[in-house]
Amino acid sequence: MLLIKSLHLQGPRRNLSKAYALVPAAGSGSRVGAALPKQYLEIAGRPLLYHSLLALARHPRIEQVFVILAQGDDQFRRHDWREFGARLEPLYCGGETRAASVFNGLLAARDSVAASDWVLVHDAARPCLGREELDRLFGELEADDTGGLLAVPVVDTLKRGSRDSRVAATEPRENLWLAQTPQMFRYRLLLQALRAADAAAATDEARAIERLGLRPKLVLGDTRNIKVTFPEDLALAELIIGSGRQSVLGRPRIAKGSNRKKATDAGRKRRGTARGRRSGRR
């Protein structure tokens, strides 16, 4: 408790806190069913990971972006990251789970990040993050004692299924939100939460913070900030990136024609078939 209280900074001292981003990218992405880890699959002429890093690296509040890679990763160096310059630092310390990778990354970055600095943890598989969401996240959390996360309200009807794929119940959706990333917390608090967490159960940083008895703030996100999980998501992400929404961030635009038609078809298929799969997991 003393540790938590020590992070509740008062008055103008809050403005001294810097912000860093941490992107765990050590997973295999097996549900996409590709030969490469999904963070290296191509979207709009670049690896998916490039797009996920770009919005973070170009935001003026973020000092540096740490990308957490598997110790045996041999793909990262095959791509050109020079445009990020010193703002991007790869750390080859990924763990067996997301929580382990984030925890290892926090330890590896401890010489650069102060205890009261903000850390924004972002999914490597979310390539469509917009500047507006980042601005909103900083605007609502800069003066918050706990921190919070991007999220969007649940709009679909939720069905709880039985083992034989029958409807067991219809769940009320009031006050339910779908968690997104980035999730933004103070360095020391996040480190404490992940140290105490069950790595298998802590599917996101907010859950680890909740287990300390704290209540992260929900900051309105955007439904276009999708997580690439299934094969059809790749084409949908390409459509979003090429739509012009991300042009302020310097995102490459995809050409009109077959790619756009492919993405449109995938978007229709995703709306019709994938929502049911997504409702029960992130």
Foldseek 3Di string as FASTA:
>chain_A
DVVLVVLLDDDPVLVVAAEAEEEEDADQLCQQPDPGRQQQDDFLRGGLLVLQCLLQLPDPRHQAYEYEYALPDPVPVVDDPPVSPRRYDYDHQADPFPLRSVLRVLVVCVVPHDQNHKYWYAYSQQNQFANVQVVQQCVVPSNPSFFAFEKAQDDDWDFDADPVGDGPDTDDRPPPIGTHTGTMGGSNLLNVLSVPDDRVPCNDSQVSSVVVVDHHDYTYGDPLRDGPNYNLVSLLVSLSLQVCRRVVSVGNHHDDDDSNVSNVVSVVVCVVPVVNVPPVHD
